[in-house]
Amino acid sequence: MNCILKISLSLLIAIPLFSFTTLDKREIVGVYGVCESNPSAIQLTLNVDQTFTYRDLSNPNKPIDVHGNWEMKNNHVILTNYTTDYSFHTKWKIDQNGTVAKSRKGMTWYTLGKI
């Protein structure tokens, strides 16, 4: 009985620990964007060397085209070391398959698919 209890407790503890996986940098790297017919032309490119390019033409009066670095923090991609006069989405959550990037800034939500 004691052995069965120990095994059950071990499984009860181990299963939740293995369900929290982190993304590998290779799964995150790539180009995420909207469809070609979307005039906003929003596109986020994450490179292996941890540099990024971000373009957002949704506001023609304030086009955003920035370059910088990215890092992982708490399963989010954080864009850093860029220069722009405009505010933009700098925190992205990549899904577990590495195929969708989501961001929220104020009341604006973006969902970009891997191209």
C-alpha atoms as a PDB file:
ATOM      1  CA  MET A   1       0.000   0.000   0.000  1.00  0.00           C
ATOM      2  CA  ASN A   2       2.773   2.400   0.874  1.00  0.00           C
ATOM      3  CA  CYS A   3       4.486   1.816  -2.495  1.00  0.00           C
ATOM      4  CA  ILE A   4       1.272   2.447  -4.447  1.00  0.00           C
ATOM      5  CA  LEU A   5       0.711   5.669  -2.519  1.00  0.00           C
ATOM      6  CA  LYS A   6       4.244   6.888  -3.307  1.00  0.00           C
ATOM      7  CA  ILE A   7       3.847   6.124  -7.022  1.00  0.00           C
ATOM      8  CA  SER A   8       0.457   7.851  -7.131  1.00  0.00           C
ATOM      9  CA  LEU A   9       1.816  10.940  -5.405  1.00  0.00           C
ATOM     10  CA  SER A  10       4.826  11.013  -7.721  1.00  0.00           C
ATOM     11  CA  LEU A  11       2.582  10.890 -10.784  1.00  0.00           C
ATOM     12  CA  LEU A  12       0.266  13.502  -9.340  1.00  0.00           C
ATOM     13  CA  ILE A  13       3.219  15.860  -8.933  1.00  0.00           C
ATOM     14  CA  ALA A  14       5.059  14.981 -12.171  1.00  0.00           C
ATOM     15  CA  ILE A  15       2.194  15.289 -14.666  1.00  0.00           C
ATOM     16  CA  PRO A  16       1.524  19.027 -14.065  1.00  0.00           C
ATOM     17  CA  LEU A  17       5.257  19.782 -14.179  1.00  0.00           C
ATOM     18  CA  PHE A  18       5.607  18.225 -17.629  1.00  0.00           C
ATOM     19  CA  SER A  19       2.550  20.038 -18.967  1.00  0.00           C
ATOM     20  CA  PHE A  20       4.317  23.426 -18.697  1.00  0.00           C
ATOM     21  CA  THR A  21       6.684  23.489 -21.628  1.00  0.00           C
ATOM     22  CA  THR A  22       8.781  26.351 -22.865  1.00  0.00           C
ATOM     23  CA  LEU A  23       9.349  27.136 -26.498  1.00  0.00           C
ATOM     24  CA  ASP A  24      12.705  26.501 -28.089  1.00  0.00           C
ATOM     25  CA  LYS A  25      14.235  29.519 -29.841  1.00  0.00           C
ATOM     26  CA  ARG A  26      14.271  27.557 -33.118  1.00  0.00           C
ATOM     27  CA  GLU A  27      10.471  27.173 -32.939  1.00  0.00           C
ATOM     28  CA  ILE A  28       9.977  30.915 -32.469  1.00  0.00           C
ATOM     29  CA  VAL A  29      12.270  32.147 -35.243  1.00  0.00           C
ATOM     30  CA  GLY A  30      10.464  33.124 -38.441  1.00  0.00           C
ATOM     31  CA  VAL A  31       8.165  35.648 -40.059  1.00  0.00           C
ATOM     32  CA  TYR A  32       4.709  36.340 -38.613  1.00  0.00           C
ATOM     33  CA  GLY A  33       2.215  38.530 -40.423  1.00  0.00           C
ATOM     34  CA  VAL A  34      -1.235  39.280 -41.748  1.00  0.00           C
ATOM     35  CA  CYS A  35      -2.545  38.112 -45.132  1.00  0.00           C
ATOM     36  CA  GLU A  36      -1.270  39.879 -48.256  1.00  0.00           C
ATOM     37  CA  SER A  37      -4.624  41.557 -48.904  1.00  0.00           C
ATOM     38  CA  ASN A  38      -4.514  43.343 -45.530  1.00  0.00           C
ATOM     39  CA  PRO A  39      -3.325  46.954 -46.166  1.00  0.00           C
ATOM     40  CA  SER A  40      -1.798  47.227 -42.677  1.00  0.00           C
ATOM     41  CA  ALA A  41       1.051  44.945 -43.832  1.00  0.00           C
ATOM     42  CA  ILE A  42       1.835  44.096 -40.203  1.00  0.00           C
ATOM     43  CA  GLN A  43       4.860  41.818 -40.052  1.00  0.00           C
ATOM     44  CA  LEU A  44       7.141  40.631 -37.252  1.00  0.00           C
ATOM     45  CA  THR A  45      10.383  38.887 -38.193  1.00  0.00           C
ATOM     46  CA  LEU A  46      12.333  37.098 -35.447  1.00  0.00           C
ATOM     47  CA  ASN A  47      15.852  36.058 -36.456  1.00  0.00           C
ATOM     48  CA  VAL A  48      18.105  33.340 -35.008  1.00  0.00           C
ATOM     49  CA  ASP A  49      20.640  35.944 -33.835  1.00  0.00           C
ATOM     50  CA  GLN A  50      17.846  37.425 -31.663  1.00  0.00           C
ATOM     51  CA  THR A  51      17.338  40.488 -33.843  1.00  0.00           C
ATOM     52  CA  PHE A  52      13.902  41.505 -35.107  1.00  0.00           C
ATOM     53  CA  THR A  53      12.180  43.631 -37.715  1.00  0.00           C
ATOM     54  CA  TYR A  54       8.659  44.947 -37.125  1.00  0.00           C
ATOM     55  CA  ARG A  55       6.500  46.759 -39.674  1.00  0.00           C
ATOM     56  CA  ASP A  56       2.996  48.162 -39.148  1.00  0.00           C
ATOM     57  CA  LEU A  57       1.383  50.366 -41.793  1.00  0.00           C
ATOM     58  CA  SER A  58      -2.111  50.338 -40.222  1.00  0.00           C
ATOM     59  CA  ASN A  59      -1.896  54.114 -39.651  1.00  0.00           C
ATOM     60  CA  PRO A  60      -0.546  55.775 -42.841  1.00  0.00           C
ATOM     61  CA  ASN A  61       0.285  58.925 -40.850  1.00  0.00           C
ATOM     62  CA  LYS A  62       2.449  56.938 -38.424  1.00  0.00           C
ATOM     63  CA  PRO A  63       4.133  54.085 -40.296  1.00  0.00           C
ATOM     64  CA  ILE A  64       6.230  51.874 -38.047  1.00  0.00           C
ATOM     65  CA  ASP A  65       9.329  50.132 -39.380  1.00  0.00           C
ATOM     66  CA  VAL A  66      11.767  49.250 -36.594  1.00  0.00           C
ATOM     67  CA  HIS A  67      14.704  46.926 -35.985  1.00  0.00           C
ATOM     68  CA  GLY A  68      16.219  45.782 -32.726  1.00  0.00           C
ATOM     69  CA  ASN A  69      16.709  42.768 -30.484  1.00  0.00           C
ATOM     70  CA  TRP A  70      14.317  40.282 -28.926  1.00  0.00           C
ATOM     71  CA  GLU A  71      14.490  38.142 -25.812  1.00  0.00           C
ATOM     72  CA  MET A  72      12.342  35.537 -24.066  1.00  0.00           C
ATOM     73  CA  LYS A  73      10.843  36.350 -20.663  1.00  0.00           C
ATOM     74  CA  ASN A  74       8.157  34.192 -19.045  1.00  0.00           C
ATOM     75  CA  ASN A  75       7.233  32.568 -22.392  1.00  0.00           C
ATOM     76  CA  HIS A  76       6.816  35.959 -24.069  1.00  0.00           C
ATOM     77  CA  VAL A  77       8.942  37.534 -26.788  1.00  0.00           C
ATOM     78  CA  ILE A  78       9.969  41.038 -25.701  1.00  0.00           C
ATOM     79  CA  LEU A  79      11.222  43.486 -28.352  1.00  0.00           C
ATOM     80  CA  THR A  80      14.083  45.711 -27.153  1.00  0.00           C
ATOM     81  CA  ASN A  81      16.823  48.078 -28.368  1.00  0.00           C
ATOM     82  CA  TYR A  82      14.815  49.841 -31.064  1.00  0.00           C
ATOM     83  CA  THR A  83      14.331  53.487 -32.011  1.00  0.00           C
ATOM     84  CA  THR A  84      10.966  54.912 -33.046  1.00  0.00           C
ATOM     85  CA  ASP A  85       8.763  57.877 -32.248  1.00  0.00           C
ATOM     86  CA  TYR A  86       5.633  55.718 -32.249  1.00  0.00           C
ATOM     87  CA  SER A  87       4.239  53.289 -29.705  1.00  0.00           C
ATOM     88  CA  PHE A  88       3.789  49.695 -30.900  1.00  0.00           C
ATOM     89  CA  HIS A  89       3.286  46.120 -29.717  1.00  0.00           C
ATOM     90  CA  THR A  90       6.529  45.064 -27.993  1.00  0.00           C
ATOM     91  CA  LYS A  91       5.348  42.004 -26.037  1.00  0.00           C
ATOM     92  CA  TRP A  92       4.264  38.898 -27.975  1.00  0.00           C
ATOM     93  CA  LYS A  93       3.015  35.479 -26.888  1.00  0.00           C
ATOM     94  CA  ILE A  94       3.940  32.696 -29.315  1.00  0.00           C
ATOM     95  CA  ASP A  95       1.700  29.603 -29.251  1.00  0.00           C
ATOM     96  CA  GLN A  96       3.188  26.199 -28.359  1.00  0.00           C
ATOM     97  CA  ASN A  97       3.448  25.192 -32.037  1.00  0.00           C
ATOM     98  CA  GLY A  98       5.355  28.360 -32.911  1.00  0.00           C
ATOM     99  CA  THR A  99       2.770  29.230 -35.589  1.00  0.00           C
ATOM    100  CA  VAL A 100       0.852  32.171 -34.075  1.00  0.00           C
ATOM    101  CA  ALA A 101       2.033  35.366 -32.382  1.00  0.00           C
ATOM    102  CA  LYS A 102      -0.460  37.319 -30.256  1.00  0.00           C
ATOM    103  CA  SER A 103      -0.152  40.723 -28.637  1.00  0.00           C
ATOM    104  CA  ARG A 104      -2.357  43.169 -26.779  1.00  0.00           C
ATOM    105  CA  LYS A 105      -1.650  46.845 -26.300  1.00  0.00           C
ATOM    106  CA  GLY A 106      -4.438  48.758 -24.628  1.00  0.00           C
ATOM    107  CA  MET A 107      -7.648  47.850 -26.442  1.00  0.00           C
ATOM    108  CA  THR A 108      -5.835  46.633 -29.583  1.00  0.00           C
ATOM    109  CA  TRP A 109      -5.233  42.915 -30.100  1.00  0.00           C
ATOM    110  CA  TYR A 110      -3.029  41.551 -32.884  1.00  0.00           C
ATOM    111  CA  THR A 111      -2.861  37.947 -34.050  1.00  0.00           C
ATOM    112  CA  LEU A 112      -0.198  37.179 -36.637  1.00  0.00           C
ATOM    113  CA  GLY A 113       0.275  33.847 -38.384  1.00  0.00           C
ATOM    114  CA  LYS A 114       3.627  32.364 -39.293  1.00  0.00           C
ATOM    115  CA  ILE A 115       4.266  32.893 -42.978  1.00  0.00           C
END
